[in-house]
N, C-alpha and C. Protein backbone atom coordinates (compact mmCIF):
# COMPACT_ATOMS: atom_id res chain seq x y z
N MET A 1 67.71 -20.75 19.61
CA MET A 1 67.96 -20.93 18.19
C MET A 1 69.21 -20.15 17.81
N ALA A 2 70.11 -20.82 17.12
CA ALA A 2 71.35 -20.19 16.69
C ALA A 2 71.09 -19.26 15.51
N ASP A 3 71.92 -18.22 15.40
CA ASP A 3 71.82 -17.32 14.27
C ASP A 3 72.54 -17.97 13.10
N VAL A 4 71.79 -18.28 12.03
CA VAL A 4 72.34 -18.97 10.87
C VAL A 4 72.06 -18.14 9.63
N ALA A 5 73.10 -17.91 8.83
CA ALA A 5 72.98 -17.16 7.58
C ALA A 5 72.86 -18.14 6.42
N VAL A 6 71.90 -17.89 5.54
CA VAL A 6 71.66 -18.72 4.37
C VAL A 6 71.98 -17.89 3.14
N ARG A 7 72.82 -18.45 2.25
CA ARG A 7 73.18 -17.73 1.02
C ARG A 7 73.68 -18.71 -0.01
N VAL A 8 73.75 -18.27 -1.27
CA VAL A 8 74.34 -19.07 -2.33
C VAL A 8 75.84 -19.14 -2.05
N ALA A 9 76.38 -20.35 -2.08
CA ALA A 9 77.80 -20.57 -1.77
C ALA A 9 78.68 -20.24 -2.96
N ASP A 10 79.89 -19.79 -2.66
CA ASP A 10 80.89 -19.56 -3.71
C ASP A 10 81.61 -20.85 -4.07
N GLY A 11 81.47 -21.84 -3.25
CA GLY A 11 82.12 -23.13 -3.41
C GLY A 11 82.16 -23.79 -2.04
N LEU A 12 82.12 -25.10 -2.03
CA LEU A 12 82.15 -25.80 -0.76
C LEU A 12 83.31 -26.77 -0.71
N ASP A 13 83.90 -26.89 0.45
CA ASP A 13 84.93 -27.87 0.72
C ASP A 13 84.27 -29.24 0.84
N VAL A 14 84.86 -30.24 0.21
CA VAL A 14 84.31 -31.59 0.23
C VAL A 14 84.14 -32.09 1.67
N GLY A 15 85.12 -31.86 2.52
CA GLY A 15 85.04 -32.31 3.91
C GLY A 15 83.89 -31.67 4.66
N GLU A 16 83.71 -30.37 4.48
CA GLU A 16 82.60 -29.67 5.14
C GLU A 16 81.26 -30.22 4.67
N TYR A 17 81.16 -30.38 3.37
CA TYR A 17 79.93 -30.90 2.77
C TYR A 17 79.60 -32.28 3.34
N LEU A 18 80.61 -33.15 3.38
CA LEU A 18 80.38 -34.51 3.89
C LEU A 18 80.01 -34.49 5.37
N THR A 19 80.57 -33.57 6.14
CA THR A 19 80.21 -33.44 7.55
C THR A 19 78.72 -33.12 7.70
N VAL A 20 78.21 -32.22 6.87
CA VAL A 20 76.78 -31.89 6.91
C VAL A 20 75.95 -33.09 6.46
N MET A 21 76.37 -33.74 5.40
CA MET A 21 75.61 -34.89 4.91
C MET A 21 75.54 -35.98 5.98
N GLU A 22 76.64 -36.22 6.65
CA GLU A 22 76.67 -37.24 7.71
C GLU A 22 75.85 -36.78 8.91
N GLY A 23 75.98 -35.52 9.29
CA GLY A 23 75.27 -35.00 10.46
C GLY A 23 73.77 -34.91 10.27
N SER A 24 73.34 -34.92 9.01
CA SER A 24 71.90 -34.86 8.71
C SER A 24 71.30 -36.24 8.52
N GLY A 25 72.13 -37.25 8.34
CA GLY A 25 71.64 -38.59 8.06
C GLY A 25 71.47 -38.88 6.58
N LEU A 26 71.73 -37.91 5.73
CA LEU A 26 71.53 -38.08 4.29
C LEU A 26 72.68 -38.83 3.61
N ALA A 27 73.84 -38.85 4.22
CA ALA A 27 75.00 -39.50 3.59
C ALA A 27 74.74 -40.97 3.29
N ASP A 28 73.95 -41.64 4.12
CA ASP A 28 73.67 -43.06 3.91
C ASP A 28 72.89 -43.31 2.63
N ARG A 29 72.29 -42.28 2.09
CA ARG A 29 71.49 -42.42 0.87
C ARG A 29 72.26 -41.99 -0.38
N ARG A 30 73.55 -41.72 -0.24
CA ARG A 30 74.35 -41.22 -1.36
C ARG A 30 75.63 -42.05 -1.51
N PRO A 31 76.19 -42.07 -2.71
CA PRO A 31 77.45 -42.81 -2.94
C PRO A 31 78.66 -41.94 -2.58
N TYR A 32 78.82 -41.63 -1.30
CA TYR A 32 79.82 -40.65 -0.90
C TYR A 32 81.07 -41.22 -0.25
N ALA A 33 81.33 -42.51 -0.40
CA ALA A 33 82.57 -43.07 0.13
C ALA A 33 83.77 -42.58 -0.67
N ASP A 34 83.56 -42.24 -1.93
CA ASP A 34 84.62 -41.79 -2.84
C ASP A 34 84.64 -40.25 -2.85
N THR A 35 85.61 -39.66 -2.16
CA THR A 35 85.65 -38.19 -2.06
C THR A 35 85.93 -37.53 -3.41
N ASN A 36 86.61 -38.22 -4.32
CA ASN A 36 86.80 -37.66 -5.66
C ASN A 36 85.46 -37.49 -6.36
N ARG A 37 84.58 -38.48 -6.20
CA ARG A 37 83.24 -38.39 -6.78
C ARG A 37 82.49 -37.20 -6.18
N VAL A 38 82.63 -37.00 -4.89
CA VAL A 38 81.96 -35.88 -4.22
C VAL A 38 82.46 -34.56 -4.79
N GLY A 39 83.75 -34.45 -5.03
CA GLY A 39 84.30 -33.24 -5.64
C GLY A 39 83.70 -32.97 -7.01
N VAL A 40 83.52 -34.01 -7.80
CA VAL A 40 82.89 -33.87 -9.13
C VAL A 40 81.45 -33.40 -8.97
N VAL A 41 80.74 -34.01 -8.02
CA VAL A 41 79.35 -33.65 -7.75
C VAL A 41 79.23 -32.17 -7.39
N LEU A 42 80.07 -31.72 -6.48
CA LEU A 42 79.99 -30.31 -6.05
C LEU A 42 80.36 -29.36 -7.17
N ALA A 43 81.38 -29.70 -7.95
CA ALA A 43 81.81 -28.83 -9.05
C ALA A 43 80.73 -28.69 -10.13
N ALA A 44 79.93 -29.72 -10.32
CA ALA A 44 78.92 -29.70 -11.37
C ALA A 44 77.57 -29.16 -10.90
N SER A 45 77.44 -28.84 -9.63
CA SER A 45 76.17 -28.39 -9.07
C SER A 45 76.08 -26.88 -9.02
N SER A 46 74.89 -26.37 -9.35
CA SER A 46 74.66 -24.94 -9.27
C SER A 46 73.16 -24.69 -9.37
N PRO A 47 72.62 -23.92 -8.44
CA PRO A 47 73.28 -23.30 -7.31
C PRO A 47 73.44 -24.27 -6.14
N VAL A 48 74.39 -23.95 -5.30
CA VAL A 48 74.54 -24.62 -4.02
C VAL A 48 74.30 -23.55 -2.95
N VAL A 49 73.35 -23.80 -2.09
CA VAL A 49 73.01 -22.86 -1.03
C VAL A 49 73.55 -23.42 0.28
N GLU A 50 74.17 -22.55 1.06
CA GLU A 50 74.75 -22.98 2.33
C GLU A 50 74.08 -22.26 3.49
N ALA A 51 74.13 -22.92 4.65
CA ALA A 51 73.68 -22.31 5.91
C ALA A 51 74.85 -22.40 6.88
N ARG A 52 75.28 -21.24 7.38
CA ARG A 52 76.44 -21.18 8.29
C ARG A 52 76.08 -20.43 9.56
N THR A 53 76.66 -20.91 10.66
CA THR A 53 76.49 -20.23 11.93
C THR A 53 77.36 -18.98 11.93
N GLU A 54 77.21 -18.16 12.98
CA GLU A 54 78.00 -16.93 13.09
C GLU A 54 79.50 -17.20 13.07
N ASP A 55 79.92 -18.35 13.60
CA ASP A 55 81.36 -18.66 13.62
C ASP A 55 81.84 -19.32 12.33
N GLY A 56 80.94 -19.45 11.32
CA GLY A 56 81.33 -19.98 10.02
C GLY A 56 81.15 -21.48 9.84
N THR A 57 80.60 -22.14 10.84
CA THR A 57 80.38 -23.58 10.73
C THR A 57 79.24 -23.87 9.75
N LEU A 58 79.51 -24.75 8.80
CA LEU A 58 78.49 -25.16 7.84
C LEU A 58 77.53 -26.12 8.53
N VAL A 59 76.23 -25.78 8.53
CA VAL A 59 75.23 -26.62 9.18
C VAL A 59 74.12 -27.05 8.22
N GLY A 60 74.15 -26.55 7.00
CA GLY A 60 73.12 -26.93 6.03
C GLY A 60 73.57 -26.71 4.61
N VAL A 61 73.06 -27.56 3.71
CA VAL A 61 73.38 -27.45 2.29
C VAL A 61 72.13 -27.79 1.48
N ALA A 62 71.86 -26.98 0.47
CA ALA A 62 70.86 -27.30 -0.55
C ALA A 62 71.61 -27.29 -1.88
N ARG A 63 71.82 -28.48 -2.44
CA ARG A 63 72.59 -28.62 -3.68
C ARG A 63 71.64 -28.90 -4.83
N SER A 64 71.75 -28.09 -5.89
CA SER A 64 70.85 -28.22 -7.03
C SER A 64 71.61 -28.25 -8.34
N ILE A 65 70.90 -28.66 -9.36
CA ILE A 65 71.37 -28.58 -10.75
C ILE A 65 70.27 -27.86 -11.52
N SER A 66 70.63 -26.77 -12.19
CA SER A 66 69.64 -25.98 -12.90
C SER A 66 70.09 -25.67 -14.32
N ASP A 67 69.12 -25.64 -15.24
CA ASP A 67 69.44 -25.19 -16.60
C ASP A 67 69.24 -23.69 -16.73
N GLY A 68 68.73 -23.05 -15.68
CA GLY A 68 68.59 -21.60 -15.65
C GLY A 68 67.39 -21.05 -16.40
N GLY A 69 66.68 -21.90 -17.14
CA GLY A 69 65.55 -21.39 -17.91
C GLY A 69 64.26 -22.16 -17.72
N PHE A 70 64.37 -23.45 -17.41
CA PHE A 70 63.16 -24.25 -17.29
C PHE A 70 63.07 -25.01 -15.97
N VAL A 71 64.12 -25.74 -15.61
CA VAL A 71 64.00 -26.62 -14.45
C VAL A 71 65.22 -26.57 -13.56
N THR A 72 64.97 -26.68 -12.27
CA THR A 72 66.00 -26.81 -11.25
C THR A 72 65.68 -28.06 -10.46
N PHE A 73 66.65 -28.97 -10.37
CA PHE A 73 66.48 -30.20 -9.60
C PHE A 73 67.22 -30.04 -8.29
N LEU A 74 66.48 -30.03 -7.20
CA LEU A 74 67.06 -29.95 -5.86
C LEU A 74 67.52 -31.35 -5.47
N CYS A 75 68.83 -31.57 -5.52
CA CYS A 75 69.40 -32.91 -5.32
C CYS A 75 69.57 -33.27 -3.86
N ASP A 76 70.04 -32.34 -3.06
CA ASP A 76 70.28 -32.57 -1.64
C ASP A 76 69.73 -31.40 -0.85
N LEU A 77 69.03 -31.71 0.21
CA LEU A 77 68.61 -30.71 1.18
C LEU A 77 68.93 -31.31 2.54
N ALA A 78 69.99 -30.82 3.15
CA ALA A 78 70.50 -31.42 4.38
C ALA A 78 70.80 -30.37 5.43
N VAL A 79 70.33 -30.63 6.64
CA VAL A 79 70.63 -29.78 7.80
C VAL A 79 71.10 -30.70 8.91
N VAL A 80 72.22 -30.35 9.52
CA VAL A 80 72.75 -31.12 10.65
C VAL A 80 71.65 -31.25 11.70
N GLU A 81 71.53 -32.44 12.26
CA GLU A 81 70.41 -32.77 13.15
C GLU A 81 70.20 -31.74 14.27
N ALA A 82 71.26 -31.26 14.88
CA ALA A 82 71.13 -30.31 15.99
C ALA A 82 70.51 -28.98 15.55
N TYR A 83 70.49 -28.70 14.24
CA TYR A 83 69.95 -27.44 13.73
C TYR A 83 68.62 -27.63 12.99
N GLN A 84 68.09 -28.83 12.98
CA GLN A 84 66.82 -29.08 12.31
C GLN A 84 65.67 -28.47 13.09
N ASP A 85 64.56 -28.29 12.41
CA ASP A 85 63.33 -27.73 12.99
C ASP A 85 63.48 -26.28 13.42
N GLN A 86 64.35 -25.55 12.72
CA GLN A 86 64.52 -24.12 12.99
C GLN A 86 64.21 -23.27 11.76
N GLY A 87 63.71 -23.90 10.69
CA GLY A 87 63.37 -23.17 9.48
C GLY A 87 64.53 -23.03 8.51
N ILE A 88 65.66 -23.64 8.79
CA ILE A 88 66.84 -23.50 7.94
C ILE A 88 66.60 -24.16 6.59
N ALA A 89 66.05 -25.36 6.58
CA ALA A 89 65.79 -26.05 5.30
C ALA A 89 64.82 -25.24 4.44
N ARG A 90 63.78 -24.73 5.06
CA ARG A 90 62.82 -23.89 4.32
C ARG A 90 63.52 -22.67 3.73
N ASP A 91 64.37 -22.02 4.51
CA ASP A 91 65.10 -20.85 4.03
C ASP A 91 66.03 -21.21 2.88
N MET A 92 66.65 -22.39 2.94
CA MET A 92 67.54 -22.81 1.85
C MET A 92 66.75 -23.11 0.57
N VAL A 93 65.56 -23.69 0.72
CA VAL A 93 64.71 -23.92 -0.46
C VAL A 93 64.33 -22.58 -1.07
N GLU A 94 63.95 -21.62 -0.26
CA GLU A 94 63.59 -20.29 -0.77
C GLU A 94 64.77 -19.61 -1.45
N ALA A 95 65.97 -19.74 -0.88
CA ALA A 95 67.17 -19.15 -1.50
C ALA A 95 67.46 -19.83 -2.84
N THR A 96 67.21 -21.12 -2.91
CA THR A 96 67.37 -21.85 -4.18
C THR A 96 66.38 -21.33 -5.20
N ARG A 97 65.14 -21.18 -4.79
CA ARG A 97 64.11 -20.68 -5.71
C ARG A 97 64.44 -19.26 -6.18
N ASP A 98 64.94 -18.42 -5.28
CA ASP A 98 65.33 -17.07 -5.65
C ASP A 98 66.48 -17.08 -6.66
N ALA A 99 67.45 -17.99 -6.44
CA ALA A 99 68.60 -18.06 -7.33
C ALA A 99 68.24 -18.59 -8.71
N CYS A 100 67.14 -19.33 -8.79
CA CYS A 100 66.70 -19.94 -10.05
C CYS A 100 65.31 -19.46 -10.43
N GLU A 101 65.07 -18.20 -10.20
CA GLU A 101 63.75 -17.62 -10.44
C GLU A 101 63.27 -17.95 -11.85
N GLY A 102 62.01 -18.33 -11.93
CA GLY A 102 61.40 -18.63 -13.22
C GLY A 102 61.55 -20.07 -13.65
N THR A 103 62.20 -20.90 -12.84
CA THR A 103 62.32 -22.31 -13.20
C THR A 103 61.42 -23.15 -12.31
N LEU A 104 61.09 -24.32 -12.81
CA LEU A 104 60.32 -25.30 -12.06
C LEU A 104 61.26 -25.99 -11.09
N LEU A 105 60.92 -26.01 -9.80
CA LEU A 105 61.74 -26.68 -8.80
C LEU A 105 61.24 -28.11 -8.65
N VAL A 106 62.14 -29.08 -8.88
CA VAL A 106 61.80 -30.49 -8.79
C VAL A 106 62.60 -31.11 -7.65
N VAL A 107 61.91 -31.89 -6.82
CA VAL A 107 62.53 -32.55 -5.68
C VAL A 107 62.10 -34.02 -5.69
N SER A 108 63.05 -34.91 -5.49
CA SER A 108 62.74 -36.31 -5.28
C SER A 108 63.08 -36.60 -3.82
N ALA A 109 62.06 -36.83 -3.02
CA ALA A 109 62.26 -36.94 -1.58
C ALA A 109 62.01 -38.35 -1.08
N ALA A 110 62.70 -38.69 -0.02
CA ALA A 110 62.42 -39.94 0.69
C ALA A 110 61.06 -39.80 1.36
N PRO A 111 60.31 -40.91 1.45
CA PRO A 111 58.96 -40.83 2.02
C PRO A 111 58.90 -40.22 3.42
N ASP A 112 59.94 -40.38 4.22
CA ASP A 112 59.90 -39.85 5.59
C ASP A 112 59.95 -38.33 5.64
N VAL A 113 60.31 -37.68 4.56
CA VAL A 113 60.34 -36.21 4.56
C VAL A 113 59.26 -35.59 3.69
N ASP A 114 58.39 -36.41 3.11
CA ASP A 114 57.28 -35.88 2.31
C ASP A 114 56.50 -34.78 3.04
N PRO A 115 56.17 -34.95 4.33
CA PRO A 115 55.39 -33.90 5.02
C PRO A 115 56.08 -32.54 5.01
N PHE A 116 57.40 -32.50 5.03
CA PHE A 116 58.11 -31.23 4.99
C PHE A 116 57.81 -30.50 3.69
N TYR A 117 57.92 -31.19 2.57
CA TYR A 117 57.70 -30.54 1.28
C TYR A 117 56.24 -30.12 1.11
N ASP A 118 55.33 -30.92 1.64
CA ASP A 118 53.92 -30.51 1.66
C ASP A 118 53.76 -29.22 2.48
N HIS A 119 54.42 -29.18 3.64
CA HIS A 119 54.31 -28.05 4.57
C HIS A 119 54.81 -26.74 3.96
N ILE A 120 55.87 -26.81 3.14
CA ILE A 120 56.41 -25.56 2.56
C ILE A 120 55.74 -25.19 1.24
N GLY A 121 54.71 -25.95 0.86
CA GLY A 121 53.89 -25.55 -0.28
C GLY A 121 54.29 -26.11 -1.63
N LEU A 122 55.19 -27.10 -1.67
CA LEU A 122 55.50 -27.70 -2.96
C LEU A 122 54.38 -28.66 -3.34
N ARG A 123 54.16 -28.80 -4.63
CA ARG A 123 53.09 -29.68 -5.11
C ARG A 123 53.63 -31.08 -5.36
N ARG A 124 52.85 -32.05 -5.00
CA ARG A 124 53.23 -33.46 -5.17
C ARG A 124 52.88 -33.90 -6.60
N HIS A 125 53.76 -34.71 -7.17
CA HIS A 125 53.51 -35.29 -8.49
C HIS A 125 53.56 -36.80 -8.34
N HIS A 126 52.76 -37.51 -9.05
CA HIS A 126 52.61 -38.95 -8.84
C HIS A 126 53.65 -39.83 -9.52
N SER A 127 54.47 -39.30 -10.40
CA SER A 127 55.34 -40.21 -11.14
C SER A 127 56.78 -39.71 -11.23
N THR A 128 57.67 -40.61 -10.91
CA THR A 128 59.10 -40.36 -11.06
C THR A 128 59.74 -41.67 -11.48
N TRP A 129 60.65 -41.61 -12.42
CA TRP A 129 61.38 -42.79 -12.85
C TRP A 129 62.86 -42.51 -12.73
N TYR A 130 63.64 -43.55 -12.54
CA TYR A 130 65.08 -43.38 -12.47
C TYR A 130 65.74 -44.61 -13.06
N GLY A 131 66.94 -44.42 -13.59
CA GLY A 131 67.74 -45.52 -14.12
C GLY A 131 68.98 -45.67 -13.26
N LEU A 132 69.26 -46.88 -12.86
CA LEU A 132 70.44 -47.15 -12.04
C LEU A 132 71.66 -47.33 -12.93
N PRO A 133 72.83 -46.93 -12.45
CA PRO A 133 74.04 -47.17 -13.24
C PRO A 133 74.32 -48.67 -13.32
N GLN A 134 75.02 -49.09 -14.37
CA GLN A 134 75.35 -50.51 -14.52
C GLN A 134 76.17 -51.02 -13.34
N ASP A 135 77.10 -50.20 -12.89
CA ASP A 135 77.96 -50.58 -11.77
C ASP A 135 77.46 -49.86 -10.52
N LEU A 136 76.91 -50.61 -9.59
CA LEU A 136 76.35 -50.02 -8.38
C LEU A 136 77.36 -49.94 -7.25
N SER A 137 78.63 -50.26 -7.51
CA SER A 137 79.63 -50.19 -6.44
C SER A 137 79.73 -48.75 -5.94
N GLY A 138 79.70 -48.59 -4.65
CA GLY A 138 79.75 -47.27 -4.03
C GLY A 138 78.39 -46.63 -3.84
N PHE A 139 77.35 -47.18 -4.47
CA PHE A 139 76.01 -46.63 -4.32
C PHE A 139 75.31 -47.33 -3.16
N PRO A 140 74.44 -46.61 -2.46
CA PRO A 140 73.64 -47.28 -1.43
C PRO A 140 72.62 -48.17 -2.11
N ASP A 141 71.91 -48.98 -1.35
CA ASP A 141 70.86 -49.80 -1.94
C ASP A 141 69.85 -48.89 -2.62
N PRO A 142 69.38 -49.28 -3.82
CA PRO A 142 68.38 -48.47 -4.52
C PRO A 142 67.12 -48.34 -3.67
N PRO A 143 66.41 -47.22 -3.81
CA PRO A 143 65.17 -47.07 -3.05
C PRO A 143 64.15 -48.13 -3.49
N PRO A 144 63.30 -48.54 -2.57
CA PRO A 144 62.30 -49.55 -2.92
C PRO A 144 61.29 -48.98 -3.92
N ILE A 145 60.75 -49.84 -4.72
CA ILE A 145 59.70 -49.44 -5.65
C ILE A 145 58.39 -49.43 -4.89
N VAL A 146 57.70 -48.30 -4.95
CA VAL A 146 56.42 -48.17 -4.25
C VAL A 146 55.30 -47.94 -5.22
């Protein structure tokens, strides 16, 4: 297991972020073909938690949006495939919770990762709704209705 440090990021480079998203398989679920859009996304997100190896390579990202008082929405939780199953994602969720202490942590997860969130003790809620933008260009196919 590699030594990986998890901390709140001071800012992330768009290229590094996209490398992690692609290496984790999560990029296919996001509208990330437009790097300008990705820059806007990163600039508007807080906190962003990063996981880096000893040599400084970014291997994980937990990107959230928080109001600081009531709710934190964990938008992305991504770990490069070669570093998965080492507790990095769990550590990034904990760092996010620490950074947003006192807020409700909300996650919208793909069904294939539901067991992970159950395993780390998050509670499941039965209802989530979303509205799609009028122009879906650049967006992946919407998730199926279940």
